[in-house]
Protein backbone atom coordinates (compact mmCIF):
# COMPACT_ATOMS: atom_id res chain seq x y z
CA MET A 1 20.28 9.95 -54.71
CA THR A 2 20.70 6.21 -54.19
CA THR A 3 23.22 6.79 -51.40
CA LYS A 4 20.83 9.18 -49.57
CA LEU A 5 17.99 6.71 -49.94
CA CYS A 6 20.09 3.87 -48.49
CA LYS A 7 21.17 6.08 -45.58
CA GLY A 8 17.53 7.00 -44.90
CA ILE A 9 16.48 3.34 -44.94
CA ALA A 10 19.35 2.42 -42.62
CA GLN A 11 18.46 5.21 -40.18
CA SER A 12 14.80 4.17 -40.18
CA ALA A 13 15.76 0.55 -39.58
CA THR A 14 18.03 1.56 -36.72
CA ALA A 15 15.28 3.65 -35.14
CA LEU A 16 12.86 0.73 -35.46
CA VAL A 17 15.30 -1.67 -33.80
CA VAL A 18 15.95 0.79 -30.96
CA GLY A 19 12.22 1.31 -30.52
CA LEU A 20 11.55 -2.42 -30.39
CA ALA A 21 14.40 -2.92 -27.95
CA SER A 22 13.02 -0.18 -25.71
CA THR A 23 9.57 -1.74 -25.84
CA ALA A 24 11.03 -5.12 -24.95
CA ALA A 25 12.92 -3.58 -22.04
CA LEU A 26 9.69 -2.09 -20.69
CA ALA A 27 7.70 -5.32 -21.15
CA VAL A 28 6.22 -6.65 -17.94
CA ASN A 29 4.69 -9.95 -16.92
CA ASP A 30 1.84 -10.96 -14.65
CA LEU A 31 2.68 -11.16 -10.95
CA PRO A 32 1.69 -14.59 -9.58
CA GLY A 33 -0.41 -13.02 -6.83
CA GLY A 34 -1.68 -10.19 -9.03
CA PRO A 35 -1.94 -7.70 -10.53
CA ALA A 36 -1.79 -8.96 -14.11
CA VAL A 37 -0.98 -7.10 -17.30
CA ASN A 38 -4.14 -5.46 -18.71
CA GLN A 39 -6.12 -7.06 -15.89
CA LEU A 40 -9.89 -6.66 -16.17
CA ASP A 41 -11.08 -9.24 -13.63
CA LEU A 42 -10.50 -9.40 -9.89
CA HIS A 43 -7.26 -10.80 -8.46
CA PRO A 44 -7.14 -14.60 -8.24
CA PRO A 45 -8.57 -15.50 -4.80
CA VAL A 46 -6.19 -16.84 -2.17
CA THR A 47 -8.64 -17.06 0.74
CA ARG A 48 -12.05 -18.69 1.16
CA ILE A 49 -13.61 -15.26 1.75
CA ALA A 50 -12.07 -13.97 -1.48
CA SER A 51 -13.58 -16.93 -3.37
CA GLU A 52 -17.00 -16.16 -1.90
CA VAL A 53 -16.62 -12.49 -2.82
CA HIS A 54 -15.80 -13.52 -6.40
CA SER A 55 -18.89 -15.75 -6.57
CA LEU A 56 -21.07 -12.93 -5.24
CA HIS A 57 -19.55 -10.50 -7.71
CA TYR A 58 -20.29 -12.73 -10.71
CA TRP A 59 -23.77 -13.73 -9.53
CA LEU A 60 -24.83 -10.15 -8.76
CA MET A 61 -23.35 -8.99 -12.03
CA ILE A 62 -25.53 -11.52 -13.89
CA VAL A 63 -28.61 -10.34 -11.97
CA CYS A 64 -27.82 -6.71 -12.81
CA VAL A 65 -27.27 -7.52 -16.50
CA VAL A 66 -30.59 -9.44 -16.66
CA ILE A 67 -32.41 -6.49 -15.04
CA PHE A 68 -30.68 -4.06 -17.39
CA VAL A 69 -31.59 -6.06 -20.49
CA ALA A 70 -35.19 -6.59 -19.33
CA VAL A 71 -35.86 -2.96 -18.38
CA PHE A 72 -34.19 -1.38 -21.38
CA GLY A 73 -35.56 -4.07 -23.69
CA VAL A 74 -39.14 -3.28 -22.63
CA MET A 75 -38.42 0.44 -22.83
CA PHE A 76 -36.97 0.38 -26.35
CA TYR A 77 -39.63 -2.10 -27.54
CA SER A 78 -42.31 0.28 -26.27
CA ILE A 79 -40.68 3.28 -27.89
CA LEU A 80 -40.39 1.56 -31.27
CA LYS A 81 -43.68 -0.36 -31.25
CA HIS A 82 -45.90 2.43 -29.96
CA ARG A 83 -44.45 5.47 -31.63
CA LYS A 84 -46.71 8.14 -33.09
CA SER A 85 -45.57 7.56 -36.67
CA GLN A 86 -47.10 4.06 -36.45
CA GLY A 87 -50.45 5.47 -35.40
CA ALA A 88 -50.17 4.50 -31.72
CA LYS A 89 -52.54 6.30 -29.37
CA PRO A 90 -51.37 7.11 -25.83
CA ALA A 91 -53.25 5.40 -23.02
CA ASN A 92 -55.32 7.66 -20.81
CA PHE A 93 -55.13 6.52 -17.20
CA HIS A 94 -53.76 7.96 -13.99
CA GLU A 95 -53.43 5.05 -11.57
CA SER A 96 -52.94 1.31 -11.72
CA VAL A 97 -52.91 -0.68 -8.50
CA ALA A 98 -51.37 -3.67 -10.26
CA VAL A 99 -48.46 -1.61 -11.61
CA GLU A 100 -47.87 0.07 -8.24
CA VAL A 101 -47.82 -3.29 -6.46
CA ALA A 102 -45.58 -4.88 -9.10
CA TRP A 103 -42.90 -2.21 -9.13
CA THR A 104 -42.82 -2.20 -5.33
CA ILE A 105 -42.81 -5.96 -4.65
CA VAL A 106 -40.52 -7.10 -7.49
CA PRO A 107 -37.59 -4.76 -6.63
CA PHE A 108 -38.09 -5.57 -2.93
CA VAL A 109 -37.83 -9.29 -3.60
CA ILE A 110 -34.75 -8.83 -5.82
CA VAL A 111 -32.93 -6.63 -3.30
CA THR A 112 -33.87 -8.98 -0.43
CA CYS A 113 -32.48 -12.00 -2.29
CA MET A 114 -29.28 -10.14 -3.13
CA GLY A 115 -28.87 -8.98 0.46
CA PHE A 116 -29.56 -12.47 1.82
CA ALA A 117 -26.93 -13.94 -0.49
CA ALA A 118 -24.32 -11.36 0.60
CA THR A 119 -25.06 -11.37 4.35
CA LYS A 120 -23.28 -14.64 5.12
CA THR A 121 -20.06 -13.48 3.45
CA VAL A 122 -20.19 -9.98 4.94
CA VAL A 123 -20.71 -11.37 8.45
CA ALA A 124 -17.87 -13.88 7.97
CA GLN A 125 -15.56 -11.05 6.85
CA LYS A 126 -15.94 -9.38 10.28
CA ASP A 127 -15.61 -12.53 12.38
CA THR A 128 -12.14 -12.00 13.80
CA THR A 129 -12.59 -14.38 16.73
CA ASN A 130 -10.18 -17.24 17.45
CA ALA A 131 -7.35 -15.70 15.47
CA ASP A 132 -4.02 -17.57 15.53
CA LEU A 133 -1.98 -14.44 14.87
CA THR A 134 -2.80 -10.77 15.59
CA ILE A 135 -0.94 -7.99 13.81
CA LYS A 136 -1.44 -4.25 14.28
CA VAL A 137 -1.08 -2.30 11.04
CA THR A 138 -0.40 1.44 11.42
CA GLY A 139 -0.56 3.77 8.46
CA TYR A 140 2.00 6.59 8.32
CA GLN A 141 2.67 9.18 5.67
CA TRP A 142 3.88 7.23 3.67
CA LYS A 143 4.71 3.78 4.94
CA TRP A 144 3.23 0.97 7.01
CA GLY A 145 4.13 -0.09 10.52
CA TYR A 146 3.61 -3.73 11.54
CA ASP A 147 3.49 -4.91 15.16
CA TYR A 148 2.97 -8.61 15.91
CA LEU A 149 0.82 -8.58 19.05
CA LYS A 150 -0.31 -12.18 19.65
CA GLY A 151 0.66 -15.60 18.37
CA GLU A 152 3.93 -16.86 17.01
CA GLY A 153 6.12 -13.84 16.39
CA ALA A 154 4.63 -11.61 19.12
CA GLY A 155 7.01 -8.75 19.83
CA ILE A 156 8.27 -8.36 16.28
CA SER A 157 7.88 -4.83 14.96
CA PHE A 158 9.11 -3.06 11.84
CA LEU A 159 8.33 -0.45 9.20
CA SER A 160 7.60 -1.29 5.57
CA THR A 161 8.60 1.38 3.04
CA LEU A 162 8.80 1.55 -0.75
CA ASP A 163 12.15 0.21 -1.90
CA VAL A 164 14.60 3.07 -2.58
CA SER A 165 15.41 1.78 -6.08
CA GLN A 166 11.72 1.94 -6.99
CA ARG A 167 11.47 5.59 -5.98
CA GLU A 168 14.57 6.41 -8.01
CA LEU A 169 13.02 4.76 -11.07
CA SER A 170 9.88 6.83 -10.54
CA ASN A 171 11.84 10.06 -10.16
CA ALA A 172 13.72 9.27 -13.37
CA GLY A 173 10.48 8.41 -15.21
CA THR A 174 11.81 4.97 -16.16
CA PRO A 175 9.41 2.29 -14.86
CA GLN A 176 10.97 -1.19 -14.84
CA GLY A 177 10.12 -4.63 -13.56
CA ASP A 178 6.98 -6.61 -12.91
CA ASP A 179 6.70 -5.24 -9.36
CA TYR A 180 7.27 -1.57 -10.20
CA LEU A 181 6.18 0.60 -7.21
CA LEU A 182 5.15 -2.55 -5.32
CA ARG A 183 8.54 -3.64 -3.95
CA VAL A 184 9.15 -2.82 -0.30
CA ASP A 185 12.11 -3.16 2.02
CA ASN A 186 10.28 -5.21 4.69
CA PRO A 187 7.21 -7.22 3.61
CA LEU A 188 4.61 -8.43 6.07
CA VAL A 189 5.31 -12.11 6.67
CA VAL A 190 2.59 -14.59 7.74
CA PRO A 191 2.22 -18.39 7.78
CA VAL A 192 -0.08 -20.27 5.41
CA ASP A 193 -3.39 -21.77 6.62
CA THR A 194 -3.37 -19.48 9.68
CA LYS A 195 -6.13 -17.10 10.72
CA VAL A 196 -4.50 -13.67 10.85
CA ARG A 197 -6.34 -10.83 12.54
CA VAL A 198 -5.32 -7.41 11.21
CA ILE A 199 -5.94 -4.42 13.49
CA THR A 200 -5.67 -1.15 11.60
CA THR A 201 -5.11 2.40 12.81
CA ALA A 202 -3.18 5.47 11.61
CA ALA A 203 -0.81 8.01 13.06
CA ASP A 204 -1.65 11.01 10.89
CA VAL A 205 -4.37 10.86 8.22
CA ILE A 206 -6.79 8.20 6.96
CA HIS A 207 -5.14 5.32 5.10
CA ALA A 208 -6.60 2.00 3.92
CA TRP A 209 -4.91 -1.40 4.05
CA MET A 210 -6.00 -3.40 1.00
CA VAL A 211 -4.84 -6.74 -0.42
CA PRO A 212 -7.23 -7.75 -3.24
CA ALA A 213 -6.16 -11.41 -3.35
CA PHE A 214 -7.30 -11.75 0.29
CA ALA A 215 -10.51 -9.69 -0.20
CA VAL A 216 -9.28 -7.47 2.62
CA LYS A 217 -9.78 -3.70 2.63
CA GLN A 218 -9.91 -1.86 5.94
CA ASP A 219 -9.60 1.86 6.62
CA ALA A 220 -6.89 2.94 9.04
CA ILE A 221 -8.22 5.98 10.91
CA PRO A 222 -6.28 8.09 13.44
CA GLY A 223 -7.68 7.60 16.93
CA PHE A 224 -9.77 4.57 15.93
CA VAL A 225 -9.13 0.84 15.76
CA ARG A 226 -10.68 -1.35 13.07
CA ASP A 227 -10.05 -5.02 12.38
CA ASN A 228 -10.32 -7.59 9.62
CA TRP A 229 -8.85 -11.03 8.98
CA PHE A 230 -7.61 -13.43 6.35
CA ARG A 231 -6.42 -17.02 6.06
CA ALA A 232 -4.13 -17.48 3.06
CA GLN A 233 -4.56 -20.91 1.50
CA LYS A 234 -1.32 -20.94 -0.47
CA THR A 235 2.20 -19.58 -0.15
CA GLY A 236 3.56 -16.79 -2.30
CA ASP A 237 3.85 -13.00 -2.61
CA PHE A 238 0.70 -10.91 -2.67
CA PHE A 239 0.47 -7.18 -3.23
CA GLY A 240 -1.82 -4.29 -2.46
CA GLN A 241 -1.71 -0.55 -1.98
CA CYS A 242 -3.08 2.14 0.29
CA ALA A 243 -6.64 2.59 -0.99
CA GLU A 244 -7.32 5.98 0.62
CA LEU A 245 -6.01 9.23 -0.80
CA CYS A 246 -3.56 10.09 2.01
CA GLY A 247 -1.41 12.86 0.54
CA LYS A 248 1.11 13.61 -2.17
CA GLU A 249 3.07 10.35 -1.62
CA HIS A 250 -0.06 8.19 -1.78
CA ALA A 251 1.20 6.36 -4.86
CA TYR A 252 4.34 5.28 -2.99
CA MET A 253 2.68 3.30 -0.19
CA PRO A 254 2.51 -0.32 -1.40
CA ILE A 255 1.68 -3.43 0.62
CA HIS A 256 3.59 -6.69 0.20
CA VAL A 257 2.45 -9.78 2.10
CA LYS A 258 4.75 -12.81 1.97
CA VAL A 259 2.96 -16.06 2.87
CA LEU A 260 5.36 -18.78 4.01
CA SER A 261 4.97 -22.40 5.01
CA LYS A 262 4.65 -22.81 8.78
CA GLU A 263 8.16 -24.22 8.98
CA ASP A 264 9.68 -21.32 7.05
CA TYR A 265 7.64 -18.85 9.08
CA ALA A 266 9.03 -20.28 12.34
CA LYS A 267 12.56 -19.82 10.94
CA TRP A 268 11.74 -16.22 9.97
CA VAL A 269 10.40 -15.49 13.47
CA ASP A 270 13.57 -16.90 15.05
CA SER A 271 15.73 -14.78 12.74
CA GLU A 272 13.76 -11.59 13.46
CA LYS A 273 13.93 -12.08 17.21
CA LYS A 274 17.68 -12.46 17.01
CA LYS A 275 17.83 -9.16 15.10
CA ILE A 276 15.67 -7.49 17.76
CA ALA A 277 17.94 -8.75 20.52
CA ALA A 278 20.96 -7.42 18.66
CA LYS A 279 19.32 -4.00 18.25
CA ALA A 280 18.28 -3.68 21.89
CA ASP A 281 20.35 -0.58 22.62
CA ASP A 282 20.80 1.06 25.98
CA PRO A 283 19.87 4.76 25.51
CA SER A 284 22.37 5.71 28.22
CA LYS A 285 25.26 4.25 26.21
CA VAL A 286 27.72 6.84 24.93
CA TRP A 287 28.67 6.20 21.30
CA THR A 288 31.62 7.41 19.31
CA GLN A 289 30.83 9.64 16.38
CA ALA A 290 32.20 7.09 13.90
CA ASP A 291 29.94 4.33 15.26
CA LEU A 292 26.89 6.60 15.19
CA ILE A 293 27.59 7.61 11.58
CA ALA A 294 27.96 3.96 10.53
CA ARG A 295 24.69 3.07 12.26
CA GLY A 296 22.99 6.19 10.94
CA GLU A 297 23.88 5.36 7.35
CA LYS A 298 21.89 2.12 7.62
CA VAL A 299 18.96 3.87 9.29
CA TYR A 300 18.97 6.55 6.58
CA ALA A 301 19.06 3.99 3.75
CA ALA A 302 16.16 2.04 5.26
CA ASN A 303 13.87 4.93 6.16
CA CYS A 304 14.91 8.31 4.75
CA ALA A 305 16.56 7.74 1.37
CA VAL A 306 13.28 6.87 -0.36
CA CYS A 307 12.21 10.53 -0.11
CA HIS A 308 15.39 12.54 0.51
CA ARG A 309 17.44 10.40 -1.92
CA PRO A 310 20.71 8.64 -1.08
CA ASP A 311 22.66 11.77 -2.00
CA GLY A 312 20.54 13.95 0.32
CA LYS A 313 19.47 16.24 -2.52
CA GLY A 314 15.72 15.70 -2.15
CA ALA A 315 13.31 15.41 -5.05
CA GLY A 316 10.53 17.74 -6.17
CA PRO A 317 8.78 19.08 -3.05
CA ILE A 318 11.04 16.99 -0.76
CA LYS A 319 13.59 19.38 0.73
CA PRO A 320 17.28 18.44 0.53
CA LEU A 321 19.18 17.51 3.67
CA ASP A 322 22.51 18.44 2.12
CA GLY A 323 22.89 22.06 3.17
CA SER A 324 19.61 22.16 5.11
CA PRO A 325 19.56 25.02 7.68
CA LYS A 326 17.97 22.75 10.27
CA VAL A 327 20.60 20.07 9.79
CA LEU A 328 23.36 22.68 10.03
CA ASP A 329 21.81 24.48 13.02
CA ALA A 330 24.16 24.69 16.00
CA ASP A 331 21.26 23.67 18.27
CA LYS A 332 21.11 19.90 17.84
CA LEU A 333 17.64 19.73 19.36
CA VAL A 334 16.18 21.52 16.33
CA GLN A 335 16.67 18.42 14.14
CA VAL A 336 15.75 16.10 17.01
CA GLY A 337 12.41 17.92 17.28
CA VAL A 338 11.79 17.50 13.54
CA LEU A 339 12.26 13.72 13.71
CA LEU A 340 10.16 13.33 16.85
CA ASN A 341 7.31 15.66 15.86
CA GLY A 342 7.44 16.08 12.10
CA GLN A 343 6.90 19.41 10.36
CA ASN A 344 5.04 21.19 7.54
CA ASN A 345 1.66 19.70 8.49
CA GLY A 346 2.85 16.15 8.09
CA ALA A 347 4.75 16.64 4.82
CA MET A 348 7.71 15.57 6.93
CA PRO A 349 6.19 12.86 9.18
CA ALA A 350 7.22 12.15 12.75
CA TRP A 351 9.57 9.20 13.30
CA LYS A 352 8.82 8.43 16.93
CA GLN A 353 8.68 4.75 16.06
CA LEU A 354 12.48 4.73 15.67
CA SER A 355 14.51 4.04 18.79
CA ASP A 356 16.47 6.79 20.56
CA THR A 357 19.71 5.28 19.26
CA GLU A 358 18.42 5.13 15.68
CA ILE A 359 17.32 8.78 15.76
CA ALA A 360 20.61 9.89 17.30
CA ALA A 361 22.52 7.89 14.70
CA VAL A 362 20.67 9.18 11.66
CA ILE A 363 20.92 12.79 12.86
CA THR A 364 24.65 12.41 13.45
CA TYR A 365 24.97 10.84 10.00
CA THR A 366 23.15 13.69 8.23
CA LYS A 367 25.08 16.33 10.18
CA ASN A 368 28.39 14.86 9.04
CA ASN A 369 27.68 13.59 5.52
CA TRP A 370 27.66 15.08 2.01
CA GLY A 371 28.52 18.78 2.39
CA ASN A 372 27.33 18.89 6.00
CA LYS A 373 30.56 18.88 8.00
CA THR A 374 29.26 20.17 11.34
CA GLY A 375 31.29 17.83 13.52
CA GLN A 376 28.25 17.53 15.80
CA THR A 377 27.31 14.30 17.56
CA VAL A 378 23.88 13.48 19.02
CA GLN A 379 23.77 10.87 21.78
CA PRO A 380 20.71 8.61 22.41
CA SER A 381 20.32 10.13 25.90
CA GLU A 382 19.68 13.55 24.31
CA VAL A 383 16.94 12.09 22.13
CA LEU A 384 15.40 10.32 25.14
CA ALA A 385 15.34 13.57 27.10
CA ALA A 386 13.69 15.41 24.19
CA ARG A 387 11.13 12.59 23.78
CA GLN A 388 10.13 12.84 27.45
CA GLN A 389 9.54 16.59 27.41
């Protein structure tokens, strides 16, 4: 009996230790730019507009609380003080000019004061003039495209997608890290103390580009152009997410803005332009299959693996590429058409933003990787011809 009791205590202690260890492993900390653990308040403001929005929020909240307490205080006082059990007699009147005037003028004055207080900030939020840097943000299912249009860095363009490791953690149901489902492969990079104009649009459905620390939230609508701006007052990493329900991968569309010093930003711009120059491929160049596969592996890891998985097996509703009839099809243009135009009503988005060489490379890679041993090679010129049809 004593032996069994000791074994039971030991097993319980072991289970407790394992449970505590698991809890410790899952423990997360506040991100410096937000969000915070169990956060109830707004993100710490990083721009002047965000600070003004915070002040408005608190001031209007106080006004609303005062109105709530006053209205419900009078109501409950009247109910308790003038109830029938206390012998109260109901008043017998139909109209009161004083009451009508009071409940018309008082709310009007309150709303006017609140509107007047908010107007300056709302107008300032839309003043995108004299921007130092202009960036076009395009929402795709389910990633962001960034194009630097004007200012230092003009000509830089890239896609920002959820980091592959984050998607794998989500698929496995094992959330880890302070930036779980917020880490991306290519963050948006901007300099500190610089007015950045953000032009938003979308290629498929409505998205919304939102970074709470900047007090920026702007819908990205297909066929329309909207703009907003921010001026970050300190360096660091700041996070947001798509704030419009844009489809089944909506939860996997984070935003990461990296604010650098002006000196570090200039270095980043120089580095990116060197990368662009190195990637400037001639679509008429004929590649060997081995070189295309090597290039395609990088393109796949950066753009496709987050959904189709590194092993090509897919996940949930995402169809596998390993053994896919369209990948194995003898007509190479079938898969080219999928990447250029998408399929299944956007469930597989179009990838026209990739270069002809990148598309040719990733198709060649998928046709000759895993169990797909087709031996087929797609040249950039074939993709260019299909794009122009």
